[in-house]
N, C-alpha and C. Protein backbone atom coordinates (compact mmCIF):
# COMPACT_ATOMS: atom_id res chain seq x y z
N UNK A 1 -10.09 -18.27 25.03
CA UNK A 1 -10.10 -17.31 24.46
C UNK A 1 -7.97 -17.23 23.97
N UNK A 2 -7.43 -17.21 23.01
CA UNK A 2 -6.47 -16.51 22.74
C UNK A 2 -5.49 -15.50 23.69
N UNK A 3 -4.10 -15.81 24.04
CA UNK A 3 -3.62 -14.93 24.74
C UNK A 3 -3.53 -13.65 23.70
N UNK A 4 -3.69 -13.55 22.34
CA UNK A 4 -3.83 -12.08 21.56
C UNK A 4 -4.94 -12.21 21.31
N UNK A 5 -5.90 -12.93 21.26
CA UNK A 5 -7.25 -12.18 21.00
C UNK A 5 -7.92 -11.54 22.31
N UNK A 6 -7.38 -11.91 23.64
CA UNK A 6 -7.78 -11.25 25.19
C UNK A 6 -6.69 -10.01 24.61
N UNK A 7 -5.45 -10.26 24.44
CA UNK A 7 -4.85 -8.49 24.16
C UNK A 7 -5.61 -7.77 23.68
N UNK A 8 -5.67 -8.18 22.02
CA UNK A 8 -6.69 -7.53 20.81
C UNK A 8 -8.09 -6.67 21.72
N UNK A 9 -9.14 -7.54 22.68
CA UNK A 9 -10.04 -6.74 22.69
C UNK A 9 -9.83 -5.86 23.70
N UNK A 10 -8.52 -6.74 24.95
CA UNK A 10 -8.42 -5.68 25.74
C UNK A 10 -8.03 -3.98 25.61
N UNK A 11 -6.87 -4.16 23.98
CA UNK A 11 -6.94 -2.39 23.41
C UNK A 11 -8.32 -2.28 23.07
N UNK A 12 -9.18 -3.09 22.13
CA UNK A 12 -9.87 -2.45 21.58
C UNK A 12 -11.15 -1.94 22.41
N UNK A 13 -10.95 -2.46 23.40
CA UNK A 13 -12.40 -1.49 24.84
C UNK A 13 -11.60 -0.50 24.72
N UNK A 14 -10.48 -0.51 25.42
CA UNK A 14 -9.99 0.26 25.92
C UNK A 14 -9.95 1.89 24.46
N UNK A 15 -9.51 1.56 23.86
CA UNK A 15 -9.53 2.58 22.93
C UNK A 15 -11.07 2.89 22.25
N UNK A 16 -12.09 1.69 22.84
CA UNK A 16 -13.45 2.63 22.74
C UNK A 16 -13.86 3.44 23.88
N UNK A 17 -13.25 3.26 25.15
CA UNK A 17 -13.31 3.80 25.88
C UNK A 17 -12.54 5.17 26.59
N UNK A 18 -11.67 5.62 25.64
CA UNK A 18 -10.89 6.55 25.94
C UNK A 18 -11.51 7.86 24.51
N UNK A 19 -12.24 7.59 23.93
CA UNK A 19 -11.66 7.89 22.38
C UNK A 19 -10.97 8.32 21.41
N UNK A 20 -10.34 6.54 21.62
CA UNK A 20 -9.05 6.29 20.62
C UNK A 20 -7.78 6.49 20.77
N UNK A 21 -7.73 7.03 22.02
CA UNK A 21 -5.84 7.11 23.20
C UNK A 21 -6.19 5.61 24.06
N UNK A 22 -4.87 4.99 23.37
CA UNK A 22 -4.55 4.05 24.95
C UNK A 22 -3.79 4.39 24.90
N UNK A 23 -3.01 2.95 26.37
CA UNK A 23 -1.75 3.34 26.84
C UNK A 23 -0.94 2.44 26.49
N UNK A 24 -0.15 1.89 27.73
CA UNK A 24 0.86 0.90 27.28
C UNK A 24 1.96 0.76 26.12
N UNK A 25 1.90 -0.80 25.45
CA UNK A 25 2.55 -0.86 23.72
C UNK A 25 2.46 0.86 23.12
N UNK A 26 1.32 1.06 22.61
CA UNK A 26 0.35 1.86 21.61
C UNK A 26 0.25 3.57 22.80
N UNK A 27 0.91 3.79 23.79
CA UNK A 27 0.57 5.14 24.66
C UNK A 27 1.73 6.15 23.18
N UNK A 28 0.46 6.41 22.81
CA UNK A 28 1.14 8.40 22.02
C UNK A 28 0.71 7.85 20.71
N UNK A 29 1.04 6.51 20.69
CA UNK A 29 1.61 6.22 18.74
C UNK A 29 -0.01 6.03 17.79
N UNK A 30 -0.24 6.73 16.60
CA UNK A 30 -0.95 6.96 15.72
C UNK A 30 -1.96 5.50 15.89
N UNK A 31 -2.96 5.37 16.26
CA UNK A 31 -3.83 3.66 16.40
C UNK A 31 -5.18 3.76 15.90
N UNK A 32 -5.76 3.04 14.63
CA UNK A 32 -6.66 2.73 14.49
C UNK A 32 -7.19 1.32 14.89
N UNK A 33 -8.88 1.01 14.86
CA UNK A 33 -8.83 -0.53 14.56
C UNK A 33 -9.89 -0.16 13.42
N UNK A 34 -8.98 -2.01 13.47
CA UNK A 34 -9.27 -2.28 11.55
C UNK A 34 -10.05 -3.59 11.01
N UNK A 35 -11.62 -2.80 10.78
CA UNK A 35 -12.34 -3.99 10.33
C UNK A 35 -12.23 -4.97 9.13
N UNK A 36 -12.20 -5.98 8.88
CA UNK A 36 -12.05 -6.47 8.14
C UNK A 36 -13.37 -8.25 7.66
N UNK A 37 -13.54 -7.80 6.97
CA UNK A 37 -14.28 -10.10 6.64
C UNK A 37 -13.44 -10.93 6.91
N UNK A 38 -13.29 -11.68 6.68
CA UNK A 38 -13.14 -12.79 6.64
C UNK A 38 -12.91 -13.49 5.20
N UNK A 39 -12.16 -14.32 4.45
CA UNK A 39 -12.23 -14.99 3.20
C UNK A 39 -12.60 -15.67 3.51
N UNK A 40 -12.87 -17.19 4.10
CA UNK A 40 -13.80 -17.78 4.20
C UNK A 40 -15.00 -17.61 5.18
N UNK A 41 -14.38 -17.76 6.50
CA UNK A 41 -15.70 -17.67 7.78
C UNK A 41 -16.58 -16.40 7.15
N UNK A 42 -16.15 -15.50 6.52
CA UNK A 42 -17.71 -13.95 6.41
C UNK A 42 -17.99 -13.13 8.14
N UNK A 43 -16.62 -13.91 8.86
CA UNK A 43 -16.86 -13.45 10.11
C UNK A 43 -15.92 -12.20 10.09
N UNK A 44 -16.49 -10.76 10.75
CA UNK A 44 -15.80 -9.61 11.13
C UNK A 44 -14.48 -10.07 12.11
N UNK A 45 -13.98 -9.17 11.88
CA UNK A 45 -12.60 -8.92 12.68
C UNK A 45 -12.29 -7.62 13.16
N UNK A 46 -11.77 -7.05 14.13
CA UNK A 46 -11.86 -5.84 14.53
C UNK A 46 -9.77 -6.33 15.20
N UNK A 47 -9.09 -5.39 14.36
CA UNK A 47 -8.14 -5.61 14.94
C UNK A 47 -7.26 -4.19 15.39
N UNK A 48 -6.49 -3.83 16.45
CA UNK A 48 -5.71 -2.91 16.45
C UNK A 48 -4.75 -2.55 15.89
N UNK A 49 -4.17 -1.41 15.25
CA UNK A 49 -2.91 -1.43 14.29
C UNK A 49 -2.64 0.12 14.45
N UNK A 50 -1.01 -0.38 14.83
CA UNK A 50 0.02 1.92 14.36
C UNK A 50 -0.47 2.28 13.03
N UNK A 51 -0.90 3.53 12.60
CA UNK A 51 -0.37 3.74 11.44
C UNK A 51 0.05 4.70 11.28
N UNK A 52 0.43 5.20 9.67
CA UNK A 52 1.41 6.44 9.76
C UNK A 52 0.33 7.48 9.06
N UNK A 53 -0.12 8.32 9.13
CA UNK A 53 -0.10 9.22 7.80
C UNK A 53 0.25 10.09 7.02
N UNK A 54 -0.85 10.01 6.04
CA UNK A 54 -0.04 10.68 4.59
C UNK A 54 0.29 12.02 5.17
N UNK A 55 1.51 12.84 4.41
CA UNK A 55 2.75 14.21 4.90
C UNK A 55 1.09 15.02 4.28
N UNK A 56 0.03 14.53 3.51
CA UNK A 56 -0.68 15.95 2.91
C UNK A 56 -2.14 15.90 3.02
N UNK A 57 -2.88 14.40 3.30
CA UNK A 57 -4.13 14.28 2.45
C UNK A 57 -4.56 13.41 3.87
N UNK A 58 -5.14 14.31 4.51
CA UNK A 58 -5.87 13.52 5.79
C UNK A 58 -6.79 12.79 5.29
N UNK A 59 -7.19 12.20 4.59
CA UNK A 59 -7.72 11.16 3.74
C UNK A 59 -7.11 9.69 3.82
N UNK A 60 -6.15 9.52 4.19
CA UNK A 60 -5.47 8.57 3.78
C UNK A 60 -3.93 8.43 4.83
N UNK A 61 -4.27 6.77 4.86
CA UNK A 61 -3.55 6.02 6.40
C UNK A 61 -2.32 4.99 5.80
N UNK A 62 -1.40 4.51 5.85
CA UNK A 62 -1.01 3.34 5.79
C UNK A 62 -0.41 2.92 7.23
N UNK A 63 -0.56 1.25 6.54
CA UNK A 63 -0.51 0.44 7.59
C UNK A 63 0.33 -0.93 7.54
N UNK A 64 0.56 -1.42 8.06
CA UNK A 64 1.71 -2.17 7.90
C UNK A 64 1.60 -3.61 8.47
N UNK A 65 1.62 -4.74 7.50
CA UNK A 65 1.46 -5.95 8.30
C UNK A 65 2.91 -6.60 8.87
N UNK A 66 2.86 -5.80 9.39
CA UNK A 66 4.36 -6.80 10.46
C UNK A 66 3.87 -8.21 11.15
N UNK A 67 2.98 -8.37 11.73
CA UNK A 67 2.75 -10.32 12.45
C UNK A 67 4.21 -9.68 13.46
N UNK A 68 4.94 -8.74 13.62
CA UNK A 68 4.84 -8.14 15.19
C UNK A 68 6.97 -8.78 14.64
N UNK A 69 7.24 -9.12 12.82
CA UNK A 69 8.07 -9.93 12.51
C UNK A 69 8.26 -11.17 12.31
N UNK A 70 6.86 -11.88 12.15
CA UNK A 70 6.82 -13.13 12.19
C UNK A 70 6.90 -13.59 10.22
N UNK A 71 7.42 -14.41 10.70
CA UNK A 71 7.70 -15.09 8.59
C UNK A 71 6.13 -14.47 7.92
N UNK A 72 4.97 -15.34 8.76
CA UNK A 72 4.39 -14.97 7.66
C UNK A 72 3.01 -13.36 7.84
N UNK A 73 2.25 -13.12 6.78
CA UNK A 73 1.80 -11.94 7.29
C UNK A 73 0.66 -12.26 7.90
N UNK A 74 0.27 -11.00 8.24
CA UNK A 74 -1.33 -11.64 9.31
C UNK A 74 -3.00 -11.93 8.14
N UNK A 75 -2.83 -12.69 9.12
CA UNK A 75 -4.25 -12.78 8.69
C UNK A 75 -5.39 -12.45 7.97
N UNK A 76 -5.52 -10.93 8.43
CA UNK A 76 -6.40 -9.69 8.51
C UNK A 76 -5.99 -9.28 6.80
N UNK A 77 -4.20 -8.66 6.67
CA UNK A 77 -3.79 -9.04 5.51
C UNK A 77 -4.32 -9.42 4.37
N UNK A 78 -4.17 -10.74 4.14
CA UNK A 78 -5.05 -11.37 2.62
C UNK A 78 -6.69 -11.18 3.05
N UNK A 79 -7.68 -11.02 4.70
CA UNK A 79 -8.78 -11.30 4.31
C UNK A 79 -9.11 -9.16 3.38
N UNK A 80 -8.17 -8.10 3.72
CA UNK A 80 -8.46 -6.83 3.77
C UNK A 80 -8.03 -6.88 1.58
N UNK A 81 -7.23 -6.84 1.82
CA UNK A 81 -6.41 -7.07 0.24
C UNK A 81 -7.45 -8.01 -0.56
N UNK A 82 -8.05 -8.71 -0.26
CA UNK A 82 -9.18 -9.83 -0.95
C UNK A 82 -10.06 -8.44 -0.87
N UNK A 83 -10.65 -8.70 -0.14
CA UNK A 83 -11.62 -7.56 -0.22
C UNK A 83 -12.06 -6.41 -1.21
N UNK A 84 -11.05 -5.59 -0.99
CA UNK A 84 -10.14 -4.35 -1.57
C UNK A 84 -11.08 -2.88 -0.52
N UNK A 85 -11.30 -3.31 0.10
CA UNK A 85 -12.70 -3.00 1.34
C UNK A 85 -12.22 -3.14 2.59
N UNK A 86 -12.91 -2.05 3.56
CA UNK A 86 -13.01 -2.30 5.47
C UNK A 86 -13.27 -1.15 5.51
N UNK A 87 -13.09 -0.73 6.96
CA UNK A 87 -13.27 0.23 7.49
C UNK A 87 -12.73 0.19 8.37
N UNK A 88 -12.45 0.83 9.18
CA UNK A 88 -11.76 1.55 10.22
C UNK A 88 -11.99 3.02 11.57
N UNK A 89 -12.44 2.23 12.34
CA UNK A 89 -11.92 3.52 13.99
C UNK A 89 -11.20 4.04 13.76
N UNK A 90 -11.47 5.81 13.62
CA UNK A 90 -10.40 6.35 14.43
C UNK A 90 -10.44 7.69 14.89
N UNK A 91 -10.10 7.56 16.15
CA UNK A 91 -10.77 8.41 17.40
C UNK A 91 -11.79 8.03 17.84
N UNK A 92 -12.66 8.62 17.18
CA UNK A 92 -14.44 8.51 17.41
C UNK A 92 -15.04 8.60 16.60
N UNK A 93 -14.63 8.29 15.17
CA UNK A 93 -15.05 8.40 13.29
C UNK A 93 -15.24 7.12 13.29
N UNK A 94 -15.63 6.67 12.79
CA UNK A 94 -15.36 5.13 11.75
C UNK A 94 -16.29 5.84 10.11
N UNK A 95 -15.23 5.01 9.17
CA UNK A 95 -15.71 5.27 8.57
C UNK A 95 -14.87 3.79 7.17
N UNK A 96 -15.55 4.12 6.09
CA UNK A 96 -15.22 2.40 5.13
C UNK A 96 -13.84 3.40 4.40
N UNK A 97 -13.09 2.24 3.83
CA UNK A 97 -11.91 2.74 3.42
C UNK A 97 -11.43 1.97 2.06
N UNK A 98 -11.12 2.19 1.05
CA UNK A 98 -9.92 1.37 -0.19
C UNK A 98 -8.51 1.42 0.21
N UNK A 99 -9.12 0.02 -0.30
CA UNK A 99 -7.54 -1.35 -0.01
C UNK A 99 -6.60 -1.00 -1.30
N UNK A 100 -4.90 -0.27 -0.98
CA UNK A 100 -4.29 0.01 -1.93
C UNK A 100 -2.97 -0.70 -2.19
N UNK A 101 -1.89 -2.24 -2.18
CA UNK A 101 -1.28 -2.33 -1.92
C UNK A 101 0.23 -1.65 -2.50
N UNK A 102 1.11 -1.20 -1.82
CA UNK A 102 2.26 0.22 -2.28
C UNK A 102 3.41 -1.28 -2.44
N UNK A 103 4.72 -0.49 -3.52
CA UNK A 103 5.30 -2.18 -3.39
C UNK A 103 5.84 -1.11 -4.67
N UNK A 104 7.36 -1.89 -4.60
CA UNK A 104 9.06 -0.97 -4.88
C UNK A 104 9.06 0.54 -3.73
N UNK A 105 10.05 1.85 -4.49
CA UNK A 105 10.09 2.46 -3.76
C UNK A 105 9.66 3.24 -2.79
N UNK A 106 8.09 3.50 -3.51
CA UNK A 106 6.84 3.65 -2.98
C UNK A 106 6.60 2.85 -1.18
N UNK A 107 6.77 2.15 -1.24
CA UNK A 107 6.57 0.84 -0.01
C UNK A 107 7.75 1.36 0.75
N UNK A 108 9.11 1.27 -0.08
CA UNK A 108 10.03 1.06 0.83
C UNK A 108 10.48 2.63 1.27
N UNK A 109 10.11 3.93 1.04
CA UNK A 109 9.86 5.19 1.99
C UNK A 109 9.15 5.22 2.92
N UNK A 110 7.99 4.67 2.50
CA UNK A 110 6.49 4.95 3.33
C UNK A 110 7.30 3.89 4.54
N UNK A 111 7.85 2.73 4.61
CA UNK A 111 8.22 2.30 5.71
C UNK A 111 9.49 2.64 6.36
N UNK A 112 9.81 2.85 5.71
CA UNK A 112 11.06 3.75 6.46
C UNK A 112 10.86 4.51 7.42
N UNK A 113 10.55 5.40 7.28
CA UNK A 113 10.14 6.68 7.51
C UNK A 113 9.00 6.08 9.10
N UNK A 114 8.15 5.29 8.54
CA UNK A 114 7.74 3.82 10.21
C UNK A 114 8.43 3.71 10.78
N UNK A 115 9.56 2.80 10.06
CA UNK A 115 10.82 2.57 11.28
C UNK A 115 11.80 4.07 11.64
N UNK A 116 11.42 5.32 11.13
CA UNK A 116 11.76 6.26 11.69
C UNK A 116 11.49 7.05 12.89
N UNK A 117 10.35 7.11 12.61
CA UNK A 117 9.37 7.26 13.52
C UNK A 117 9.63 6.19 15.13
N UNK A 118 9.06 4.57 14.90
CA UNK A 118 8.96 3.65 15.73
C UNK A 118 9.87 2.84 15.62
N UNK A 119 11.19 2.10 16.06
CA UNK A 119 11.71 1.73 15.55
C UNK A 119 11.94 0.43 15.76
N UNK A 120 10.45 0.53 16.36
CA UNK A 120 10.12 -1.69 16.48
C UNK A 120 9.63 -1.72 15.25
N UNK A 121 9.64 -0.95 14.41
CA UNK A 121 9.48 -1.73 13.09
C UNK A 121 10.61 -1.80 12.02
N UNK A 122 11.55 -1.09 12.41
CA UNK A 122 12.76 -1.67 11.51
C UNK A 122 13.45 -2.98 12.38
N UNK A 123 12.80 -3.74 13.55
CA UNK A 123 13.03 -5.09 13.92
C UNK A 123 12.79 -5.66 13.39
N UNK A 124 11.21 -5.28 13.33
CA UNK A 124 10.56 -5.61 12.43
C UNK A 124 10.14 -6.41 11.20
N UNK A 125 11.61 -5.75 10.19
CA UNK A 125 11.71 -5.67 9.05
C UNK A 125 13.32 -6.66 9.60
N UNK A 126 14.20 -6.59 10.23
CA UNK A 126 15.37 -7.10 10.67
C UNK A 126 14.93 -8.86 10.34
N UNK A 127 13.82 -8.71 11.19
CA UNK A 127 13.54 -10.21 11.30
C UNK A 127 12.84 -11.08 9.89
N UNK A 128 12.61 -10.58 8.72
CA UNK A 128 11.68 -11.05 8.29
C UNK A 128 12.14 -10.72 6.98
N UNK A 129 13.65 -10.63 7.13
CA UNK A 129 14.83 -10.32 5.93
C UNK A 129 14.23 -11.81 5.57
N UNK A 130 14.88 -11.70 4.04
CA UNK A 130 15.55 -13.00 3.48
C UNK A 130 14.13 -13.58 3.40
N UNK A 131 12.80 -13.43 3.99
CA UNK A 131 11.89 -13.77 4.41
C UNK A 131 10.62 -13.64 3.74
N UNK A 132 10.40 -12.29 3.68
CA UNK A 132 9.20 -11.78 3.31
C UNK A 132 9.58 -10.01 3.33
N UNK A 133 8.75 -10.02 2.55
CA UNK A 133 8.53 -7.35 2.11
C UNK A 133 7.45 -7.80 3.53
N UNK A 134 6.90 -7.39 4.29
CA UNK A 134 6.47 -6.96 5.13
C UNK A 134 5.66 -5.91 4.13
N UNK A 135 4.07 -6.45 3.95
CA UNK A 135 3.47 -5.08 3.06
C UNK A 135 3.22 -3.85 4.11
N UNK A 136 3.35 -3.05 3.19
CA UNK A 136 2.33 -1.46 3.20
C UNK A 136 1.18 -1.53 1.83
N UNK A 137 0.11 -1.34 3.06
CA UNK A 137 -1.60 -0.74 2.37
C UNK A 137 -1.73 0.49 2.68
N UNK A 138 -2.26 1.11 1.60
CA UNK A 138 -2.77 2.69 1.59
C UNK A 138 -3.92 2.25 1.96
N UNK A 139 -5.05 2.92 2.79
CA UNK A 139 -6.10 3.08 3.15
C UNK A 139 -7.03 4.71 2.72
N UNK A 140 -7.55 4.56 1.79
CA UNK A 140 -7.93 5.73 1.54
C UNK A 140 -9.50 5.96 2.14
N UNK A 141 -10.19 7.18 2.55
CA UNK A 141 -11.68 6.97 3.09
C UNK A 141 -12.38 6.90 1.71
N UNK A 142 -13.20 6.55 2.03
CA UNK A 142 -14.01 5.85 0.47
C UNK A 142 -15.10 7.33 0.58
C-alpha cells in the first residue's frame, strides 16, 4: 500500500471510530469522508477532506481539489465531476450529494474564505499559481 493510501486508511479509521473527529493535521477542522466511483474502474474510493460549511444552508458544503498544491487535480475530482453525484460521511451521518463546480468570483470568494480560516490553503494556491486554478466544488445533500 502506498504511503498516501496508508495515511488515508488511518484517517478514515480514526474518523469512523470517533464520530467524525480526528487528531493530527485535521484536529479541530471540519472533515468529511468523500465517497466516489472511479470513472474507468467502477471502484469505490473514500478520501478524507476538509470542507467549508455554507454560511446559511446546512445541506451545502464546499470542498477543494488542492492535492496539496500539486500541479494536477486529484483523481477524486475527475471522478466526482464526471458522475455529478457522490456521497459523504459527515460526523456519524452518511448521505448522497449532488456536485456543482464553482467558477469565477463565486469560486474565488469561497476559496479565499477557506484560505483565511486555514492558511495551508493559501499555500496550495501559491504553489499552483500559473499552473492551474484549484477547483472548488459545492456538494448539496440530494
